[in-house]
PDB file of all heavy atoms in Angstrom:
ATOM      1  N   LYS A   1     152.044 -13.695  81.261  1.00  0.00           N
ATOM      2  CA  LYS A   1     151.136 -12.610  81.664  1.00  0.00           C
ATOM      3  C   LYS A   1     150.028 -13.191  82.465  1.00  0.00           C
ATOM      4  O   LYS A   1     148.836 -13.279  81.962  1.00  0.00           O
ATOM      5  CB  LYS A   1     150.629 -11.959  80.202  1.00  0.00           C
ATOM      6  CG  LYS A   1     151.778 -11.362  79.506  1.00  0.00           C
ATOM      7  CD  LYS A   1     151.307 -10.836  78.099  1.00  0.00           C
ATOM      8  CE  LYS A   1     152.396 -10.222  77.326  1.00  0.00           C
ATOM      9  NZ  LYS A   1     152.002  -9.769  76.037  1.00  0.00           N
ATOM     10  N   THR A   2     150.214 -13.505  83.633  1.00  0.00           N
ATOM     11  CA  THR A   2     149.362 -14.139  84.456  1.00  0.00           C
ATOM     12  C   THR A   2     148.940 -13.150  85.709  1.00  0.00           C
ATOM     13  O   THR A   2     149.626 -12.288  85.909  1.00  0.00           O
ATOM     14  CB  THR A   2     149.734 -15.438  85.122  1.00  0.00           C
ATOM     15  OG1 THR A   2     151.253 -15.227  85.637  1.00  0.00           O
ATOM     16  CG2 THR A   2     150.039 -16.492  83.974  1.00  0.00           C
ATOM     17  N   ILE A   3     147.885 -13.580  86.424  1.00  0.00           N
ATOM     18  CA  ILE A   3     147.595 -12.748  87.740  1.00  0.00           C
ATOM     19  C   ILE A   3     148.588 -12.982  88.716  1.00  0.00           C
ATOM     20  O   ILE A   3     148.908 -14.198  88.992  1.00  0.00           O
ATOM     21  CB  ILE A   3     146.222 -13.364  88.171  1.00  0.00           C
ATOM     22  CG1 ILE A   3     145.152 -12.920  87.067  1.00  0.00           C
ATOM     23  CG2 ILE A   3     145.840 -12.673  89.467  1.00  0.00           C
ATOM     24  CD1 ILE A   3     143.782 -13.483  87.362  1.00  0.00           C
ATOM     25  N   PRO A   4     149.303 -12.032  89.264  1.00  0.00           N
ATOM     26  CA  PRO A   4     150.295 -12.201  90.230  1.00  0.00           C
ATOM     27  C   PRO A   4     149.964 -13.243  91.419  1.00  0.00           C
ATOM     28  O   PRO A   4     148.784 -13.064  91.874  1.00  0.00           O
ATOM     29  CB  PRO A   4     150.485 -10.850  90.717  1.00  0.00           C
ATOM     30  CG  PRO A   4     150.137  -9.900  89.640  1.00  0.00           C
ATOM     31  CD  PRO A   4     148.990 -10.583  88.963  1.00  0.00           C
ATOM     32  N   GLY A   5     150.693 -14.024  91.681  1.00  0.00           N
ATOM     33  CA  GLY A   5     150.544 -15.104  92.693  1.00  0.00           C
ATOM     34  C   GLY A   5     149.767 -16.360  92.248  1.00  0.00           C
ATOM     35  O   GLY A   5     149.575 -17.344  93.104  1.00  0.00           O
ATOM     36  N   LEU A   6     149.193 -16.331  91.144  1.00  0.00           N
ATOM     37  CA  LEU A   6     148.315 -17.388  90.639  1.00  0.00           C
ATOM     38  C   LEU A   6     148.879 -18.114  89.295  1.00  0.00           C
ATOM     39  O   LEU A   6     148.159 -18.688  88.602  1.00  0.00           O
ATOM     40  CB  LEU A   6     146.893 -17.008  90.402  1.00  0.00           C
ATOM     41  CG  LEU A   6     146.097 -16.763  91.687  1.00  0.00           C
ATOM     42  CD1 LEU A   6     144.798 -16.267  91.369  1.00  0.00           C
ATOM     43  CD2 LEU A   6     146.088 -17.967  92.577  1.00  0.00           C
ATOM     44  N   ARG A   7     150.206 -17.924  89.011  1.00  0.00           N
ATOM     45  CA  ARG A   7     150.695 -18.299  87.734  1.00  0.00           C
ATOM     46  C   ARG A   7     150.534 -19.938  87.643  1.00  0.00           C
ATOM     47  O   ARG A   7     150.102 -20.387  86.642  1.00  0.00           O
ATOM     48  CB  ARG A   7     152.219 -18.027  87.606  1.00  0.00           C
ATOM     49  CG  ARG A   7     152.798 -18.625  86.352  1.00  0.00           C
ATOM     50  CD  ARG A   7     154.108 -18.003  86.024  1.00  0.00           C
ATOM     51  NE  ARG A   7     153.887 -16.554  85.741  1.00  0.00           N
ATOM     52  CZ  ARG A   7     154.872 -15.631  85.624  1.00  0.00           C
ATOM     53  NH1 ARG A   7     156.063 -16.046  85.766  1.00  0.00           N
ATOM     54  NH2 ARG A   7     154.707 -14.379  85.418  1.00  0.00           N
ATOM     55  N   LEU A   8     150.843 -20.750  88.637  1.00  0.00           N
ATOM     56  CA  LEU A   8     150.875 -22.153  88.575  1.00  0.00           C
ATOM     57  C   LEU A   8     149.389 -22.642  88.335  1.00  0.00           C
ATOM     58  O   LEU A   8     149.060 -23.480  87.489  1.00  0.00           O
ATOM     59  CB  LEU A   8     151.452 -22.824  89.693  1.00  0.00           C
ATOM     60  CG  LEU A   8     153.012 -22.779  89.842  1.00  0.00           C
ATOM     61  CD1 LEU A   8     153.333 -23.484  91.097  1.00  0.00           C
ATOM     62  CD2 LEU A   8     153.651 -23.181  88.579  1.00  0.00           C
ATOM     63  N   ALA A   9     148.461 -21.875  88.983  1.00  0.00           N
ATOM     64  CA  ALA A   9     147.102 -22.212  88.853  1.00  0.00           C
ATOM     65  C   ALA A   9     146.534 -21.963  87.466  1.00  0.00           C
ATOM     66  O   ALA A   9     145.882 -22.742  86.801  1.00  0.00           O
ATOM     67  CB  ALA A   9     146.237 -21.380  89.966  1.00  0.00           C
ATOM     68  N   GLN A  10     146.835 -20.819  86.966  1.00  0.00           N
ATOM     69  CA  GLN A  10     146.419 -20.499  85.571  1.00  0.00           C
ATOM     70  C   GLN A  10     147.075 -21.260  84.565  1.00  0.00           C
ATOM     71  O   GLN A  10     146.527 -21.603  83.465  1.00  0.00           O
ATOM     72  CB  GLN A  10     146.730 -18.952  85.268  1.00  0.00           C
ATOM     73  CG  GLN A  10     145.637 -18.019  85.947  1.00  0.00           C
ATOM     74  CD  GLN A  10     145.671 -16.685  85.385  1.00  0.00           C
ATOM     75  OE1 GLN A  10     146.603 -15.917  85.561  1.00  0.00           O
ATOM     76  NE2 GLN A  10     144.669 -16.338  84.513  1.00  0.00           N
ATOM     77  N   LYS A  11     148.303 -21.596  84.758  1.00  0.00           N
ATOM     78  CA  LYS A  11     148.983 -22.582  83.710  1.00  0.00           C
ATOM     79  C   LYS A  11     148.328 -23.942  83.814  1.00  0.00           C
ATOM     80  O   LYS A  11     148.170 -24.478  82.713  1.00  0.00           O
ATOM     81  CB  LYS A  11     150.478 -22.775  84.200  1.00  0.00           C
ATOM     82  CG  LYS A  11     151.358 -21.437  84.010  1.00  0.00           C
ATOM     83  CD  LYS A  11     152.004 -21.398  82.689  1.00  0.00           C
ATOM     84  CE  LYS A  11     153.010 -20.258  82.525  1.00  0.00           C
ATOM     85  NZ  LYS A  11     153.523 -20.219  81.249  1.00  0.00           N
ATOM     86  N   TYR A  12     148.042 -24.364  84.866  1.00  0.00           N
ATOM     87  CA  TYR A  12     147.181 -25.639  84.974  1.00  0.00           C
ATOM     88  C   TYR A  12     145.800 -25.485  84.313  1.00  0.00           C
ATOM     89  O   TYR A  12     145.495 -26.332  83.543  1.00  0.00           O
ATOM     90  CB  TYR A  12     146.938 -25.937  86.437  1.00  0.00           C
ATOM     91  CG  TYR A  12     145.802 -27.068  86.608  1.00  0.00           C
ATOM     92  CD1 TYR A  12     146.176 -28.477  86.536  1.00  0.00           C
ATOM     93  CD2 TYR A  12     144.588 -26.876  87.023  1.00  0.00           C
ATOM     94  CE1 TYR A  12     145.291 -29.415  86.654  1.00  0.00           C
ATOM     95  CE2 TYR A  12     143.671 -27.925  87.326  1.00  0.00           C
ATOM     96  CZ  TYR A  12     144.010 -29.121  87.114  1.00  0.00           C
ATOM     97  OH  TYR A  12     143.135 -30.195  87.206  1.00  0.00           O
ATOM     98  N   ALA A  13     145.137 -24.373  84.435  1.00  0.00           N
ATOM     99  CA  ALA A  13     143.915 -24.142  83.683  1.00  0.00           C
ATOM    100  C   ALA A  13     144.039 -24.122  82.215  1.00  0.00           C
ATOM    101  O   ALA A  13     143.219 -24.641  81.467  1.00  0.00           O
ATOM    102  CB  ALA A  13     143.261 -22.815  84.184  1.00  0.00           C
ATOM    103  N   VAL A  14     145.220 -23.624  81.737  1.00  0.00           N
ATOM    104  CA  VAL A  14     145.488 -23.633  80.315  1.00  0.00           C
ATOM    105  C   VAL A  14     145.541 -25.114  79.771  1.00  0.00           C
ATOM    106  O   VAL A  14     145.064 -25.469  78.741  1.00  0.00           O
ATOM    107  CB  VAL A  14     146.692 -22.884  80.006  1.00  0.00           C
ATOM    108  CG1 VAL A  14     147.361 -23.168  78.593  1.00  0.00           C
ATOM    109  CG2 VAL A  14     146.588 -21.384  80.096  1.00  0.00           C
ATOM    110  N   ARG A  15     146.157 -25.930  80.525  1.00  0.00           N
ATOM    111  CA  ARG A  15     146.230 -27.382  80.195  1.00  0.00           C
ATOM    112  C   ARG A  15     145.035 -27.989  80.198  1.00  0.00           C
ATOM    113  O   ARG A  15     144.665 -28.875  79.418  1.00  0.00           O
ATOM    114  CB  ARG A  15     147.213 -28.089  81.130  1.00  0.00           C
ATOM    115  CG  ARG A  15     148.698 -27.688  81.049  1.00  0.00           C
ATOM    116  CD  ARG A  15     149.472 -28.310  79.812  1.00  0.00           C
ATOM    117  NE  ARG A  15     149.627 -29.715  80.141  1.00  0.00           N
ATOM    118  CZ  ARG A  15     150.804 -30.171  80.771  1.00  0.00           C
ATOM    119  NH1 ARG A  15     151.629 -29.268  81.288  1.00  0.00           N
ATOM    120  NH2 ARG A  15     150.915 -31.411  80.946  1.00  0.00           N
ATOM    121  N   CYS A  16     144.124 -27.601  81.125  1.00  0.00           N
ATOM    122  CA  CYS A  16     142.692 -28.029  81.173  1.00  0.00           C
ATOM    123  C   CYS A  16     141.972 -27.717  79.853  1.00  0.00           C
ATOM    124  O   CYS A  16     141.130 -28.533  79.465  1.00  0.00           O
ATOM    125  CB  CYS A  16     141.993 -27.398  82.336  1.00  0.00           C
ATOM    126  SG  CYS A  16     142.457 -28.227  84.071  1.00  0.00           S
ATOM    127  N   GLY A  17     142.326 -26.656  79.325  1.00  0.00           N
ATOM    128  CA  GLY A  17     141.760 -26.233  78.006  1.00  0.00           C
ATOM    129  C   GLY A  17     142.283 -26.745  76.772  1.00  0.00           C
ATOM    130  O   GLY A  17     141.864 -26.427  75.657  1.00  0.00           O
ATOM    131  N   GLY A  18     143.347 -27.594  76.981  1.00  0.00           N
ATOM    132  CA  GLY A  18     144.091 -28.108  75.795  1.00  0.00           C
ATOM    133  C   GLY A  18     145.239 -27.399  75.367  1.00  0.00           C
ATOM    134  O   GLY A  18     145.898 -27.738  74.307  1.00  0.00           O
ATOM    135  N   GLY A  19     145.778 -26.310  76.002  1.00  0.00           N
ATOM    136  CA  GLY A  19     146.774 -25.610  75.636  1.00  0.00           C
ATOM    137  C   GLY A  19     148.157 -26.184  76.219  1.00  0.00           C
ATOM    138  O   GLY A  19     148.092 -27.268  76.890  1.00  0.00           O
ATOM    139  N   VAL A  20     149.264 -25.559  75.836  1.00  0.00           N
ATOM    140  CA  VAL A  20     150.558 -25.971  76.262  1.00  0.00           C
ATOM    141  C   VAL A  20     151.310 -25.036  77.122  1.00  0.00           C
ATOM    142  O   VAL A  20     151.026 -23.891  76.743  1.00  0.00           O
ATOM    143  CB  VAL A  20     151.442 -26.460  74.974  1.00  0.00           C
ATOM    144  CG1 VAL A  20     152.813 -26.839  75.388  1.00  0.00           C
ATOM    145  CG2 VAL A  20     150.851 -27.499  74.095  1.00  0.00           C
ATOM    146  N   ASN A  21     151.877 -25.397  78.070  1.00  0.00           N
ATOM    147  CA  ASN A  21     152.562 -24.544  79.010  1.00  0.00           C
ATOM    148  C   ASN A  21     154.035 -24.076  78.368  1.00  0.00           C
ATOM    149  O   ASN A  21     154.725 -24.916  77.956  1.00  0.00           O
ATOM    150  CB  ASN A  21     152.824 -25.129  80.348  1.00  0.00           C
ATOM    151  CG  ASN A  21     151.615 -25.230  81.172  1.00  0.00           C
ATOM    152  OD1 ASN A  21     151.598 -26.184  82.078  1.00  0.00           O
ATOM    153  ND2 ASN A  21     150.570 -24.476  80.964  1.00  0.00           N
ATOM    154  N   HIS A  22     154.176 -22.716  78.253  1.00  0.00           N
ATOM    155  CA  HIS A  22     155.459 -22.234  77.902  1.00  0.00           C
ATOM    156  C   HIS A  22     156.249 -22.247  79.174  1.00  0.00           C
ATOM    157  O   HIS A  22     156.023 -22.939  80.159  1.00  0.00           O
ATOM    158  CB  HIS A  22     155.290 -20.802  77.319  1.00  0.00           C
ATOM    159  CG  HIS A  22     156.193 -20.349  76.322  1.00  0.00           C
ATOM    160  ND1 HIS A  22     157.507 -20.716  76.469  1.00  0.00           N
ATOM    161  CD2 HIS A  22     156.008 -19.575  75.315  1.00  0.00           C
ATOM    162  CE1 HIS A  22     158.261 -20.151  75.387  1.00  0.00           C
ATOM    163  NE2 HIS A  22     157.371 -19.482  74.638  1.00  0.00           N
ATOM    164  N   ARG A  23     157.267 -21.326  79.230  1.00  0.00           N
ATOM    165  CA  ARG A  23     158.269 -21.371  80.375  1.00  0.00           C
ATOM    166  C   ARG A  23     157.333 -20.895  81.473  1.00  0.00           C
ATOM    167  O   ARG A  23     156.509 -20.093  81.355  1.00  0.00           O
ATOM    168  CB  ARG A  23     159.411 -20.482  80.236  1.00  0.00           C
ATOM    169  CG  ARG A  23     159.047 -19.001  79.714  1.00  0.00           C
ATOM    170  CD  ARG A  23     160.322 -18.222  79.579  1.00  0.00           C
ATOM    171  NE  ARG A  23     160.015 -16.931  79.185  1.00  0.00           N
ATOM    172  CZ  ARG A  23     160.827 -15.864  79.107  1.00  0.00           C
ATOM    173  NH1 ARG A  23     161.959 -15.996  79.792  1.00  0.00           N
ATOM    174  NH2 ARG A  23     160.538 -14.732  78.805  1.00  0.00           N
ATOM    175  N   ILE A  24     157.670 -21.473  82.767  1.00  0.00           N
ATOM    176  CA  ILE A  24     156.961 -21.085  83.986  1.00  0.00           C
ATOM    177  C   ILE A  24     157.338 -19.615  84.399  1.00  0.00           C
ATOM    178  O   ILE A  24     156.497 -18.903  84.918  1.00  0.00           O
ATOM    179  CB  ILE A  24     157.096 -22.077  85.015  1.00  0.00           C
ATOM    180  CG1 ILE A  24     156.583 -23.441  84.597  1.00  0.00           C
ATOM    181  CG2 ILE A  24     156.483 -21.703  86.312  1.00  0.00           C
ATOM    182  CD1 ILE A  24     155.201 -23.501  84.242  1.00  0.00           C
ATOM    183  N   GLY A  25     158.651 -19.384  84.355  1.00  0.00           N
ATOM    184  CA  GLY A  25     159.192 -18.157  84.757  1.00  0.00           C
ATOM    185  C   GLY A  25     160.412 -17.756  84.065  1.00  0.00           C
ATOM    186  O   GLY A  25     160.826 -18.368  82.993  1.00  0.00           O
ATOM    187  N   LEU A  26     161.288 -16.886  84.644  1.00  0.00           N
ATOM    188  CA  LEU A  26     162.518 -16.525  84.003  1.00  0.00           C
ATOM    189  C   LEU A  26     163.697 -17.432  84.283  1.00  0.00           C
ATOM    190  O   LEU A  26     164.718 -17.194  83.711  1.00  0.00           O
ATOM    191  CB  LEU A  26     162.851 -15.147  84.610  1.00  0.00           C
ATOM    192  CG  LEU A  26     161.938 -14.045  84.308  1.00  0.00           C
ATOM    193  CD1 LEU A  26     162.389 -12.782  85.151  1.00  0.00           C
ATOM    194  CD2 LEU A  26     161.866 -13.662  82.774  1.00  0.00           C
ATOM    195  N   PHE A  27     163.362 -18.554  85.047  1.00  0.00           N
ATOM    196  CA  PHE A  27     164.403 -19.399  85.427  1.00  0.00           C
ATOM    197  C   PHE A  27     164.515 -20.663  84.636  1.00  0.00           C
ATOM    198  O   PHE A  27     165.514 -21.482  84.651  1.00  0.00           O
ATOM    199  CB  PHE A  27     164.123 -19.863  86.864  1.00  0.00           C
ATOM    200  CG  PHE A  27     162.851 -20.441  87.138  1.00  0.00           C
ATOM    201  CD1 PHE A  27     162.515 -21.621  87.016  1.00  0.00           C
ATOM    202  CD2 PHE A  27     161.747 -19.523  87.599  1.00  0.00           C
ATOM    203  CE1 PHE A  27     161.314 -22.302  87.235  1.00  0.00           C
ATOM    204  CE2 PHE A  27     160.446 -20.176  87.675  1.00  0.00           C
ATOM    205  CZ  PHE A  27     160.230 -21.392  87.578  1.00  0.00           C
ATOM    206  N   ASP A  28     163.481 -21.143  83.894  1.00  0.00           N
ATOM    207  CA  ASP A  28     163.450 -22.462  83.251  1.00  0.00           C
ATOM    208  C   ASP A  28     163.722 -22.461  81.797  1.00  0.00           C
ATOM    209  O   ASP A  28     163.477 -23.444  81.010  1.00  0.00           O
ATOM    210  CB  ASP A  28     162.237 -23.219  83.564  1.00  0.00           C
ATOM    211  CG  ASP A  28     160.877 -22.464  83.180  1.00  0.00           C
ATOM    212  OD1 ASP A  28     161.019 -21.273  82.896  1.00  0.00           O
ATOM    213  OD2 ASP A  28     159.846 -23.157  83.126  1.00  0.00           O
TER     214      ASP A  28
END
């Protein structure tokens, strides 16, 4: 549930805050 076009950027920001990345998309 990310801003369209900025998924990788927001996933990086989650890591900056100490969170863990779930799947990036429907492919992984």
